[in-house]
Amino acid sequence: MATLSSDTTITPLHQADGNTDPLYRAPPQNTEIEAALLGALLTHDRALEKVSEFLRADHFFEPVHGRIYGAIETLAETGQIASPLTLKHIFERDDALADAGGAEYLFDIAANAPNIINAHDYAQTIHDLYLRRQLITLGEDIVNDAYTPSVEERASGQIEAAEQKLYDLSNVGELERGVVDLKDAVYDAIKTAEEAYKRDGKVVGVTSGFKDLDLKLGGLHSSDLLILAGRPSMGKTALATNIAFNAAKAFKEIKNEHGEVVTQGGHVLFFSLEMSAEQLAGRILSEQSEIPSDQIRRGDIKQDDFDRLAFAAQELNSLPLYIDDTPALTVSALRTRARRLKRQKKLHLIVVDYLQLLQGSAGGRNDNRVQEISEITRGLKTLAKELDVPVLALSQLSRQVENRDDKRPQLSDLRESGSIEQDADVVMFIFREEYYLEKAEPIIRNDEDNIKFSERSQKWAERIEQVRNTASIIIAKQRHGPVGTIDLYFDGRFTRFANYDRHHDGDGFN
């Protein structure tokens, strides 16, 4: 990094180390470098382009320097060139600048300006020193909060809040993407298409384990927010659990011909806000051992069943599937835990069961539930982009579905649908016609003879036989692909979904 020349005569405005207390430590700062950067900006009109993307006025330690930088940015935004002359009239009545010598200070720092090539280095130093000061303040706040007794906030909540603040601080001024050259974006797109072409099933994202669904979606894509919605008893949790299990079971890392590691399946984090981890694990055991979950809960099983349970449990031990069953999580806490898992291990898919049980930001007011849901969906979409993983969130549907003759869900049936529909990349509904037909079993009417009743009963029996053990997944919105409906096989005994084979004469599994 370049240093100031020996003839530089700028005097720091803010003597932070003037305290003679031996226990006092001056906050990290360098007002000389701040002045040097401002000098470069005042004498080279292109210098601002090198630093404006990550440097802000409040990053300066000396307040006057921050105001000068802010004025330079304002002039640049209006197409004017910043110089001591163009800024002079702005600061003629600035008392803080008067203490430093008035408008003449602007000419002094311009006269001692370093070469423009040093501007970026100086700005990075200023930014780094700012982060260090903020880190000190954050540490002091954490200590003070820990010392302050609070009945409302537990220590675990303070830890999550501290993690969130620390993460926010780490992202200040960070340029993760910025402007991307088209040729680089095209290369990435071709590379993704090549990987999909070489994979079985042409799946580029995390597999759902269901052939027709993967064909329709191309897998669960990184950075996408996928909503799976349905009325109670449709099987939302069962399907989400199946997808999570299938993705974890399919996980493997292989090297392609270029020596690059290609991931199939993935590590899955399942946030179960409604069911406990034990209940969720019981469902998965039921699916894999083919023993009804109610029999497992009651202990109504035989020795052979125990052997099957033990074998299934042994298979599940190696799966990278993680469950967090903390109730009433905030989006912030969920984000913190997801980041932590990705940092400590790996993470390729997040499942949230379900969206309406999440809470908005800690300390936020819940007077307007629509606004809170908007905050939650935005938070989940941001999390998907930030961690570059798909987020599959379950959602309830409003009761208006039950008031229609056609029970098939529509986008307008989503609770607080505006924000959910807007933020989601994919919206899917799960619909089991068998469930509604069973509730609508014909009964003889007072004005109906036996023949007509028999005809109605026969039609009902034929229809329910056609849809028995089937479920429809209605893809109502897909930002990057087609919409449509696919069918899955559903076995309620084991809360298990599977690929549906229309030409199979047996149980429908394929």
Protein backbone atom coordinates (compact mmCIF):
# COMPACT_ATOMS: atom_id res chain seq x y z
CA MET A 1 0.00 0.00 0.00
CA ALA A 2 1.25 3.47 -0.82
CA THR A 3 2.15 5.93 1.97
CA LEU A 4 1.97 9.69 2.20
CA SER A 5 4.96 11.62 0.96
CA SER A 6 7.39 13.04 3.49
CA ASP A 7 6.39 16.63 2.70
CA THR A 8 2.72 16.04 3.58
CA THR A 9 1.75 18.69 6.16
CA ILE A 10 -1.87 17.73 6.88
CA THR A 11 -2.61 17.81 10.59
CA PRO A 12 -5.19 15.35 11.93
CA LEU A 13 -8.36 17.18 12.86
CA HIS A 14 -9.42 14.73 15.54
CA GLN A 15 -6.80 13.90 18.18
CA ALA A 16 -8.38 10.65 19.40
CA ASP A 17 -5.32 9.63 21.37
CA GLY A 18 -5.16 12.73 23.50
CA ASN A 19 -6.43 10.90 26.58
CA THR A 20 -3.57 10.35 29.04
CA ASP A 21 -5.32 7.57 30.97
CA PRO A 22 -2.99 4.53 30.72
CA LEU A 23 -6.05 2.26 30.44
CA TYR A 24 -7.50 4.25 27.57
CA ARG A 25 -7.12 2.81 24.07
CA ALA A 26 -7.82 5.05 21.10
CA PRO A 27 -10.26 3.62 18.56
CA PRO A 28 -8.66 2.48 15.30
CA GLN A 29 -8.45 5.45 12.93
CA ASN A 30 -6.15 7.29 10.54
CA THR A 31 -7.26 10.81 9.69
CA GLU A 32 -4.20 11.39 7.53
CA ILE A 33 -5.24 8.64 5.14
CA GLU A 34 -8.78 10.02 5.16
CA ALA A 35 -7.43 13.44 4.15
CA ALA A 36 -5.20 11.87 1.50
CA LEU A 37 -8.15 10.05 -0.07
CA LEU A 38 -10.24 13.22 -0.12
CA GLY A 39 -7.33 15.03 -1.78
CA ALA A 40 -7.29 12.38 -4.52
CA LEU A 41 -11.03 12.71 -5.01
CA LEU A 42 -10.80 16.52 -5.24
CA THR A 43 -8.06 16.46 -7.86
CA HIS A 44 -8.99 13.42 -9.95
CA ASP A 45 -12.62 13.28 -11.04
CA ARG A 46 -12.38 9.54 -11.90
CA ALA A 47 -11.06 8.52 -8.49
CA LEU A 48 -14.56 8.30 -7.01
CA GLU A 49 -15.38 5.39 -9.35
CA LYS A 50 -12.73 3.28 -7.59
CA VAL A 51 -14.22 3.64 -4.11
CA SER A 52 -17.89 4.64 -4.26
CA GLU A 53 -19.22 1.07 -4.43
CA PHE A 54 -18.08 0.18 -0.92
CA LEU A 55 -17.19 3.40 0.88
CA ARG A 56 -19.77 5.59 2.60
CA ALA A 57 -19.56 8.93 4.35
CA ASP A 58 -20.14 7.43 7.80
CA HIS A 59 -17.09 5.18 7.38
CA PHE A 60 -14.83 8.18 8.05
CA PHE A 61 -13.63 8.68 11.61
CA GLU A 62 -13.42 12.44 11.34
CA PRO A 63 -16.97 13.84 10.89
CA VAL A 64 -15.79 16.72 8.67
CA HIS A 65 -14.10 14.24 6.35
CA GLY A 66 -17.37 12.32 6.15
CA ARG A 67 -19.27 15.47 5.21
CA ILE A 68 -16.70 16.37 2.55
CA TYR A 69 -16.95 12.87 1.05
CA GLY A 70 -20.74 13.09 1.09
CA ALA A 71 -20.61 16.44 -0.72
CA ILE A 72 -18.26 14.97 -3.34
CA GLU A 73 -20.74 12.12 -3.93
CA THR A 74 -23.63 14.58 -4.25
CA LEU A 75 -21.82 16.66 -6.84
CA ALA A 76 -20.88 13.53 -8.80
CA GLU A 77 -24.51 12.38 -8.84
CA THR A 78 -25.54 15.69 -10.44
CA GLY A 79 -22.81 15.43 -13.07
CA GLN A 80 -20.56 18.13 -11.56
CA ILE A 81 -16.86 17.85 -10.89
CA ALA A 82 -15.83 18.05 -7.23
CA SER A 83 -12.98 20.43 -6.50
CA PRO A 84 -11.99 22.84 -3.70
CA LEU A 85 -13.64 25.65 -5.65
CA THR A 86 -16.98 23.82 -6.21
CA LEU A 87 -17.10 22.75 -2.55
CA LYS A 88 -15.93 26.03 -1.07
CA HIS A 89 -19.35 27.68 -0.91
CA ILE A 90 -20.86 24.57 0.70
CA PHE A 91 -18.46 24.66 3.65
CA GLU A 92 -17.99 28.42 4.08
CA ARG A 93 -20.30 28.39 7.10
CA ASP A 94 -19.32 24.97 8.46
CA ASP A 95 -18.07 25.61 12.01
CA ALA A 96 -16.23 22.28 12.20
CA LEU A 97 -14.33 23.07 9.02
CA ALA A 98 -13.64 26.57 10.31
CA ASP A 99 -11.81 25.02 13.29
CA ALA A 100 -9.55 23.23 10.81
CA GLY A 101 -8.78 26.38 8.87
CA GLY A 102 -11.95 26.99 6.93
CA ALA A 103 -12.29 26.45 3.21
CA GLU A 104 -8.50 26.69 2.96
CA TYR A 105 -8.42 23.16 4.39
CA LEU A 106 -9.97 21.90 1.15
CA PHE A 107 -7.12 23.47 -0.86
CA ASP A 108 -4.54 22.03 1.58
CA ILE A 109 -5.69 18.44 1.19
CA ALA A 110 -5.99 18.87 -2.58
CA ALA A 111 -2.45 20.28 -2.76
CA ASN A 112 -1.08 17.24 -0.93
CA ALA A 113 -3.14 14.69 -2.86
CA PRO A 114 -1.43 11.38 -3.61
CA ASN A 115 -1.54 9.64 -6.96
CA ILE A 116 -4.93 8.35 -8.06
CA ILE A 117 -3.61 4.76 -8.05
CA ASN A 118 -3.51 4.91 -4.24
CA ALA A 119 -7.18 5.88 -3.87
CA HIS A 120 -8.52 2.33 -3.70
CA ASP A 121 -5.91 1.29 -1.11
CA TYR A 122 -6.70 4.31 1.05
CA ALA A 123 -10.43 3.64 0.82
CA GLN A 124 -9.96 0.00 1.84
CA THR A 125 -7.94 1.09 4.86
CA ILE A 126 -10.65 3.58 5.89
CA HIS A 127 -13.29 0.88 5.47
CA ASP A 128 -11.28 -1.65 7.47
CA LEU A 129 -10.73 0.81 10.32
CA TYR A 130 -14.46 1.60 10.33
CA LEU A 131 -15.29 -2.11 10.66
CA ARG A 132 -12.85 -2.42 13.55
CA ARG A 133 -14.50 0.48 15.37
CA GLN A 134 -17.93 -1.04 14.75
CA LEU A 135 -16.67 -4.39 16.01
CA ILE A 136 -15.49 -2.74 19.22
CA THR A 137 -18.89 -1.06 19.65
CA LEU A 138 -20.67 -4.33 18.96
CA GLY A 139 -18.52 -6.12 21.53
CA GLU A 140 -19.30 -3.45 24.13
CA ASP A 141 -23.02 -3.73 23.36
CA ILE A 142 -22.91 -7.51 23.74
CA VAL A 143 -21.19 -7.19 27.11
CA ASN A 144 -23.64 -4.54 28.32
CA ASP A 145 -26.66 -6.56 27.15
CA ALA A 146 -25.34 -9.65 28.92
CA TYR A 147 -24.92 -7.69 32.16
CA THR A 148 -28.40 -6.18 31.91
CA PRO A 149 -31.03 -8.45 33.50
CA SER A 150 -33.96 -9.16 31.21
CA VAL A 151 -36.97 -11.35 31.86
CA GLU A 152 -38.26 -11.05 28.29
CA GLU A 153 -35.05 -12.00 26.46
CA ARG A 154 -33.18 -15.22 27.17
CA ALA A 155 -29.44 -15.62 26.76
CA SER A 156 -29.98 -17.74 23.64
CA GLY A 157 -31.92 -14.85 22.10
CA GLN A 158 -29.07 -12.47 22.86
CA ILE A 159 -26.62 -14.85 21.21
CA GLU A 160 -28.75 -15.03 18.05
CA ALA A 161 -29.11 -11.25 18.00
CA ALA A 162 -25.34 -10.88 18.39
CA GLU A 163 -24.74 -13.34 15.55
CA GLN A 164 -27.13 -11.41 13.33
CA LYS A 165 -25.41 -8.09 14.10
CA LEU A 166 -22.01 -9.65 13.48
CA TYR A 167 -23.16 -11.06 10.16
CA ASP A 168 -24.69 -7.73 9.12
CA LEU A 169 -21.40 -6.04 9.98
CA SER A 170 -19.44 -8.55 7.88
CA ASN A 171 -21.56 -7.59 4.86
CA VAL A 172 -21.04 -3.82 5.13
CA GLY A 173 -19.59 -2.69 1.83
CA GLU A 174 -19.16 -6.27 0.62
CA LEU A 175 -19.33 -6.69 -3.15
CA GLU A 176 -20.34 -10.30 -3.65
CA ARG A 177 -21.56 -9.96 -7.24
CA GLY A 178 -21.60 -6.42 -8.57
CA VAL A 179 -21.63 -6.03 -12.34
CA VAL A 180 -21.20 -9.33 -14.17
CA ASP A 181 -19.90 -9.45 -17.74
CA LEU A 182 -22.39 -11.10 -20.09
CA LYS A 183 -19.79 -13.57 -21.35
CA ASP A 184 -19.19 -14.75 -17.76
CA ALA A 185 -22.92 -15.15 -17.15
CA VAL A 186 -23.30 -17.06 -20.44
CA TYR A 187 -20.40 -19.34 -19.50
CA ASP A 188 -22.05 -20.13 -16.15
CA ALA A 189 -25.36 -20.85 -17.89
CA ILE A 190 -23.70 -23.20 -20.41
CA LYS A 191 -21.84 -24.94 -17.60
CA THR A 192 -25.09 -25.46 -15.70
CA ALA A 193 -26.78 -26.83 -18.83
CA GLU A 194 -23.84 -29.19 -19.41
CA GLU A 195 -24.10 -30.56 -15.88
CA ALA A 196 -27.85 -31.09 -16.31
CA TYR A 197 -27.28 -32.86 -19.64
CA LYS A 198 -24.84 -35.31 -18.09
CA ARG A 199 -27.01 -36.10 -15.09
CA ASP A 200 -29.63 -38.79 -15.03
CA GLY A 201 -33.09 -37.26 -15.30
CA LYS A 202 -31.65 -33.94 -16.58
CA VAL A 203 -31.84 -32.44 -13.08
CA VAL A 204 -29.65 -29.41 -12.47
CA GLY A 205 -30.89 -28.55 -8.98
CA VAL A 206 -31.34 -30.65 -5.86
CA THR A 207 -33.49 -33.67 -6.71
CA SER A 208 -36.92 -34.03 -5.16
CA GLY A 209 -36.80 -37.79 -5.69
CA PHE A 210 -39.93 -37.67 -7.88
CA LYS A 211 -39.30 -38.19 -11.59
CA ASP A 212 -42.19 -36.16 -13.01
CA LEU A 213 -41.69 -33.31 -10.56
CA ASP A 214 -37.97 -33.11 -11.35
CA LEU A 215 -38.75 -33.09 -15.07
CA LYS A 216 -41.18 -30.21 -14.62
CA LEU A 217 -38.95 -28.15 -12.33
CA GLY A 218 -35.50 -29.36 -13.35
CA GLY A 219 -34.90 -30.05 -9.66
CA LEU A 220 -34.95 -27.54 -6.82
CA HIS A 221 -32.75 -24.69 -8.00
CA SER A 222 -30.29 -22.74 -5.89
CA SER A 223 -31.46 -19.30 -4.73
CA ASP A 224 -35.12 -20.18 -5.45
CA LEU A 225 -37.96 -19.82 -2.95
CA LEU A 226 -40.46 -22.63 -3.52
CA ILE A 227 -43.87 -22.58 -1.86
CA LEU A 228 -45.76 -25.83 -1.30
CA ALA A 229 -49.31 -25.02 -0.18
CA GLY A 230 -52.41 -27.02 0.63
CA ARG A 231 -55.33 -27.43 2.96
CA PRO A 232 -54.96 -29.53 6.14
CA SER A 233 -54.82 -33.33 5.58
CA MET A 234 -53.57 -32.94 2.01
CA GLY A 235 -50.10 -34.24 2.95
CA LYS A 236 -47.92 -31.11 2.86
CA THR A 237 -45.62 -32.20 5.66
CA ALA A 238 -45.47 -35.77 4.34
CA LEU A 239 -44.44 -34.58 0.87
CA ALA A 240 -41.89 -32.11 2.26
CA THR A 241 -40.45 -34.86 4.47
CA ASN A 242 -40.25 -37.21 1.48
CA ILE A 243 -38.45 -34.55 -0.58
CA ALA A 244 -36.01 -33.82 2.25
CA PHE A 245 -35.31 -37.54 2.73
CA ASN A 246 -34.89 -38.18 -1.01
CA ALA A 247 -32.48 -35.25 -1.40
CA ALA A 248 -30.40 -36.36 1.59
CA LYS A 249 -30.38 -39.99 0.40
CA ALA A 250 -29.22 -38.95 -3.08
CA PHE A 251 -26.30 -36.92 -1.71
CA LYS A 252 -22.96 -37.69 -3.25
CA GLU A 253 -20.01 -35.72 -4.56
CA ILE A 254 -18.25 -36.83 -7.72
CA LYS A 255 -15.52 -35.32 -9.85
CA ASN A 256 -16.23 -34.54 -13.48
CA GLU A 257 -13.73 -34.80 -16.32
CA HIS A 258 -12.43 -31.31 -15.46
CA GLY A 259 -11.62 -32.37 -11.90
CA GLU A 260 -14.43 -30.23 -10.49
CA VAL A 261 -16.61 -31.58 -7.69
CA VAL A 262 -20.25 -32.00 -8.75
CA THR A 263 -22.86 -32.45 -6.03
CA GLN A 264 -25.97 -34.56 -6.39
CA GLY A 265 -28.68 -34.46 -3.75
CA GLY A 266 -27.48 -32.56 -0.71
CA HIS A 267 -27.34 -31.81 2.99
CA VAL A 268 -30.84 -30.80 4.11
CA LEU A 269 -31.92 -28.61 7.03
CA PHE A 270 -35.56 -29.17 8.03
CA PHE A 271 -37.19 -26.52 10.23
CA SER A 272 -40.17 -28.27 11.81
CA LEU A 273 -42.16 -25.60 13.63
CA GLU A 274 -45.25 -27.79 14.03
CA MET A 275 -43.95 -31.29 14.75
CA SER A 276 -41.16 -32.37 17.09
CA ALA A 277 -37.98 -33.92 15.73
CA GLU A 278 -39.03 -37.23 17.26
CA GLN A 279 -42.39 -37.18 15.47
CA LEU A 280 -40.73 -36.28 12.18
CA ALA A 281 -38.18 -39.07 12.61
CA GLY A 282 -41.05 -41.44 13.39
CA ARG A 283 -42.68 -40.54 10.07
CA ILE A 284 -39.47 -41.23 8.18
CA LEU A 285 -39.04 -44.55 10.00
CA SER A 286 -42.62 -45.48 9.08
CA GLU A 287 -42.00 -44.65 5.42
CA GLN A 288 -38.78 -46.66 5.21
CA SER A 289 -39.82 -49.65 7.31
CA GLU A 290 -43.36 -49.77 5.87
CA ILE A 291 -44.86 -50.00 9.34
CA PRO A 292 -47.81 -47.63 9.96
CA SER A 293 -46.75 -44.71 12.14
CA ASP A 294 -49.72 -45.12 14.50
CA GLN A 295 -48.61 -48.70 15.22
CA ILE A 296 -45.10 -47.48 15.97
CA ARG A 297 -46.46 -44.86 18.39
CA ARG A 298 -48.68 -47.39 20.18
CA GLY A 299 -45.99 -50.03 20.29
CA ASP A 300 -48.30 -52.38 18.40
CA ILE A 301 -45.49 -54.12 16.55
CA LYS A 302 -44.03 -57.59 16.35
CA GLN A 303 -40.47 -58.87 16.56
CA ASP A 304 -40.16 -58.83 12.76
CA ASP A 305 -41.27 -55.21 12.80
CA PHE A 306 -38.51 -54.39 15.30
CA ASP A 307 -35.96 -55.91 12.95
CA ARG A 308 -37.27 -53.79 10.07
CA LEU A 309 -37.22 -50.68 12.26
CA ALA A 310 -33.65 -51.37 13.33
CA PHE A 311 -32.56 -51.89 9.72
CA ALA A 312 -34.30 -48.67 8.62
CA ALA A 313 -32.77 -46.74 11.52
CA GLN A 314 -29.33 -47.99 10.56
CA GLU A 315 -29.81 -46.71 7.02
CA LEU A 316 -31.00 -43.32 8.29
CA ASN A 317 -27.97 -42.83 10.56
CA SER A 318 -25.72 -41.86 7.67
CA LEU A 319 -28.11 -39.41 5.98
CA PRO A 320 -27.15 -35.70 6.01
CA LEU A 321 -30.61 -34.61 7.19
CA TYR A 322 -30.78 -32.15 10.10
CA ILE A 323 -33.94 -31.20 12.02
CA ASP A 324 -34.56 -28.03 14.01
CA ASP A 325 -37.87 -28.25 15.88
CA THR A 326 -37.62 -24.97 17.80
CA PRO A 327 -41.15 -23.46 17.91
CA ALA A 328 -42.03 -19.86 17.02
CA LEU A 329 -38.72 -19.11 15.31
CA THR A 330 -38.12 -15.67 13.89
CA VAL A 331 -36.80 -15.33 10.34
CA SER A 332 -33.64 -13.83 11.81
CA ALA A 333 -33.06 -16.84 14.07
CA LEU A 334 -33.77 -19.24 11.21
CA ARG A 335 -31.28 -17.40 9.03
CA THR A 336 -28.64 -17.51 11.76
CA ARG A 337 -29.02 -21.26 12.26
CA ALA A 338 -28.92 -21.97 8.54
CA ARG A 339 -25.74 -19.93 8.14
CA ARG A 340 -24.19 -21.70 11.11
CA LEU A 341 -24.88 -25.15 9.64
CA LYS A 342 -23.50 -24.17 6.24
CA ARG A 343 -20.38 -22.81 7.91
CA GLN A 344 -19.85 -25.86 10.14
CA LYS A 345 -20.85 -28.59 7.68
CA LYS A 346 -22.61 -28.23 4.32
CA LEU A 347 -26.05 -27.09 3.21
CA HIS A 348 -27.86 -27.61 -0.09
CA LEU A 349 -31.59 -27.41 0.79
CA ILE A 350 -33.72 -25.74 3.47
CA VAL A 351 -37.27 -26.89 4.25
CA VAL A 352 -39.60 -24.81 6.44
CA ASP A 353 -42.77 -26.38 7.86
CA TYR A 354 -44.59 -24.09 7.80
CA LEU A 355 -44.47 -20.43 6.80
CA GLN A 356 -47.36 -19.12 8.92
CA LEU A 357 -45.72 -20.42 12.12
CA LEU A 358 -42.67 -18.22 11.59
CA GLN A 359 -42.47 -14.83 13.24
CA GLY A 360 -41.18 -11.57 11.87
CA SER A 361 -38.14 -9.75 13.18
CA ALA A 362 -37.57 -9.81 16.90
CA GLY A 363 -39.12 -6.79 18.54
CA GLY A 364 -41.29 -6.08 15.53
CA ARG A 365 -44.98 -5.33 15.92
CA ASN A 366 -47.44 -7.93 14.70
CA ASP A 367 -50.40 -5.58 14.30
CA ASN A 368 -50.52 -6.24 10.56
CA ARG A 369 -50.23 -9.93 9.75
CA VAL A 370 -50.03 -9.28 5.99
CA GLN A 371 -46.99 -7.06 6.49
CA GLU A 372 -45.40 -9.64 8.77
CA ILE A 373 -45.92 -12.39 6.17
CA SER A 374 -44.38 -10.07 3.58
CA GLU A 375 -41.34 -9.64 5.80
CA ILE A 376 -41.10 -13.42 6.30
CA THR A 377 -41.31 -14.29 2.59
CA ARG A 378 -38.79 -11.58 1.69
CA GLY A 379 -36.51 -12.92 4.40
CA LEU A 380 -36.76 -16.48 3.06
CA LYS A 381 -36.10 -15.34 -0.51
CA THR A 382 -33.11 -13.30 0.67
CA LEU A 383 -31.83 -16.33 2.57
CA ALA A 384 -32.11 -18.51 -0.55
CA LYS A 385 -30.03 -16.03 -2.58
CA GLU A 386 -27.57 -15.36 0.22
CA LEU A 387 -26.75 -19.03 0.90
CA ASP A 388 -27.29 -20.03 -2.74
CA VAL A 389 -29.62 -22.90 -1.81
CA PRO A 390 -33.28 -23.63 -2.58
CA VAL A 391 -35.72 -22.88 0.24
CA LEU A 392 -38.89 -24.98 0.25
CA ALA A 393 -41.51 -23.38 2.51
CA LEU A 394 -44.89 -24.91 3.27
CA SER A 395 -47.96 -22.69 3.48
CA GLN A 396 -51.56 -23.01 4.58
CA LEU A 397 -54.45 -22.16 2.28
CA SER A 398 -57.49 -20.11 3.24
CA ARG A 399 -60.83 -21.78 3.95
CA GLN A 400 -62.42 -20.33 0.84
CA VAL A 401 -61.28 -23.49 -0.97
CA GLU A 402 -63.89 -25.43 0.97
CA ASN A 403 -66.70 -23.14 -0.22
CA ARG A 404 -66.21 -23.96 -3.90
CA ASP A 405 -67.52 -26.96 -5.79
CA ASP A 406 -64.12 -27.35 -7.40
CA LYS A 407 -61.72 -27.81 -4.49
CA ARG A 408 -58.58 -27.45 -6.58
CA PRO A 409 -56.45 -24.64 -5.08
CA GLN A 410 -55.69 -21.41 -6.87
CA LEU A 411 -53.08 -18.72 -6.29
CA SER A 412 -55.72 -16.48 -4.75
CA ASP A 413 -56.29 -19.13 -2.05
CA LEU A 414 -52.90 -18.48 -0.48
CA ARG A 415 -53.21 -16.83 2.89
CA GLU A 416 -51.85 -13.29 2.65
CA SER A 417 -51.25 -14.33 -0.96
CA GLY A 418 -49.91 -11.06 -2.36
CA SER A 419 -46.43 -11.23 -0.85
CA ILE A 420 -46.14 -15.03 -1.01
CA GLU A 421 -47.02 -15.17 -4.69
CA GLN A 422 -44.79 -12.21 -5.52
CA ASP A 423 -41.65 -13.38 -3.69
CA ALA A 424 -41.86 -17.07 -4.64
CA ASP A 425 -40.10 -18.43 -7.71
CA VAL A 426 -42.29 -21.53 -7.67
CA VAL A 427 -45.76 -22.01 -6.17
CA MET A 428 -47.08 -25.56 -5.93
CA PHE A 429 -50.34 -26.86 -4.51
CA ILE A 430 -50.95 -30.36 -3.26
CA PHE A 431 -54.47 -31.69 -3.87
CA ARG A 432 -55.96 -35.09 -3.07
CA GLU A 433 -59.41 -35.48 -4.62
CA GLU A 434 -59.85 -38.78 -2.77
CA TYR A 435 -59.98 -36.89 0.53
CA TYR A 436 -62.93 -34.74 -0.58
CA LEU A 437 -64.74 -37.62 -2.29
CA GLU A 438 -64.59 -39.69 0.88
CA LYS A 439 -66.28 -36.85 2.75
CA ALA A 440 -68.92 -36.59 0.01
CA GLU A 441 -70.07 -40.22 0.07
CA PRO A 442 -73.66 -40.24 -1.28
CA ILE A 443 -76.60 -40.64 1.06
CA ILE A 444 -80.15 -41.23 -0.12
CA ARG A 445 -82.33 -38.13 -0.35
CA ASN A 446 -85.96 -37.90 0.71
CA ASP A 447 -87.13 -37.24 -2.87
CA GLU A 448 -84.87 -39.82 -4.48
CA ASP A 449 -85.72 -43.40 -5.44
CA ASN A 450 -83.33 -46.31 -5.08
CA ILE A 451 -82.48 -46.42 -8.77
CA LYS A 452 -81.25 -42.81 -8.89
CA PHE A 453 -79.39 -43.25 -5.62
CA SER A 454 -77.76 -46.39 -6.97
CA GLU A 455 -76.67 -44.53 -10.10
CA ARG A 456 -75.16 -41.71 -8.03
CA SER A 457 -73.43 -44.18 -5.76
CA GLN A 458 -72.02 -46.07 -8.72
CA LYS A 459 -70.59 -42.89 -10.28
CA TRP A 460 -69.12 -41.90 -6.92
CA ALA A 461 -67.55 -45.35 -6.45
CA GLU A 462 -66.07 -45.29 -9.96
CA ARG A 463 -64.62 -41.83 -9.48
CA ILE A 464 -63.10 -42.55 -6.08
CA GLU A 465 -61.56 -45.72 -7.47
CA GLN A 466 -59.95 -43.67 -10.25
CA VAL A 467 -58.29 -41.28 -7.81
CA ARG A 468 -57.58 -43.69 -4.96
CA ASN A 469 -54.04 -43.34 -3.59
CA THR A 470 -53.25 -40.45 -5.91
CA ALA A 471 -52.23 -36.87 -5.27
CA SER A 472 -51.96 -34.00 -7.71
CA ILE A 473 -49.13 -31.48 -7.53
CA ILE A 474 -50.37 -28.32 -9.24
CA ILE A 475 -47.51 -26.06 -10.32
CA ALA A 476 -49.37 -22.75 -10.49
CA LYS A 477 -46.32 -20.52 -10.88
CA GLN A 478 -42.80 -21.18 -12.08
CA ARG A 479 -40.65 -18.19 -12.83
CA HIS A 480 -38.23 -20.10 -15.05
CA GLY A 481 -40.34 -22.86 -16.54
CA PRO A 482 -43.79 -24.23 -17.42
CA VAL A 483 -46.76 -24.66 -15.14
CA GLY A 484 -48.95 -27.73 -15.05
CA THR A 485 -50.04 -30.70 -12.98
CA ILE A 486 -48.31 -33.97 -12.15
CA ASP A 487 -49.62 -37.01 -10.30
CA LEU A 488 -47.96 -38.86 -7.43
CA TYR A 489 -48.85 -42.06 -5.67
CA PHE A 490 -49.82 -41.57 -2.00
CA ASP A 491 -49.94 -44.26 0.66
CA GLY A 492 -51.63 -42.83 3.74
CA ARG A 493 -50.60 -45.79 5.90
CA PHE A 494 -46.97 -44.75 5.77
CA THR A 495 -47.49 -41.06 4.84
CA ARG A 496 -45.40 -41.80 1.78
CA PHE A 497 -45.42 -40.40 -1.75
CA ALA A 498 -43.88 -42.11 -4.75
CA ASN A 499 -43.71 -41.88 -8.53
CA TYR A 500 -47.05 -42.77 -10.08
CA ASP A 501 -47.15 -45.45 -12.75
CA ARG A 502 -50.42 -45.25 -14.70
CA HIS A 503 -49.70 -48.54 -16.44
CA HIS A 504 -49.00 -50.48 -13.26
CA ASP A 505 -51.61 -52.96 -12.10
CA GLY A 506 -50.34 -53.13 -8.54
CA ASP A 507 -49.94 -50.47 -5.87
CA GLY A 508 -48.84 -47.69 -8.21
CA PHE A 509 -45.23 -47.47 -7.04
CA ASN A 510 -42.50 -47.13 -9.60
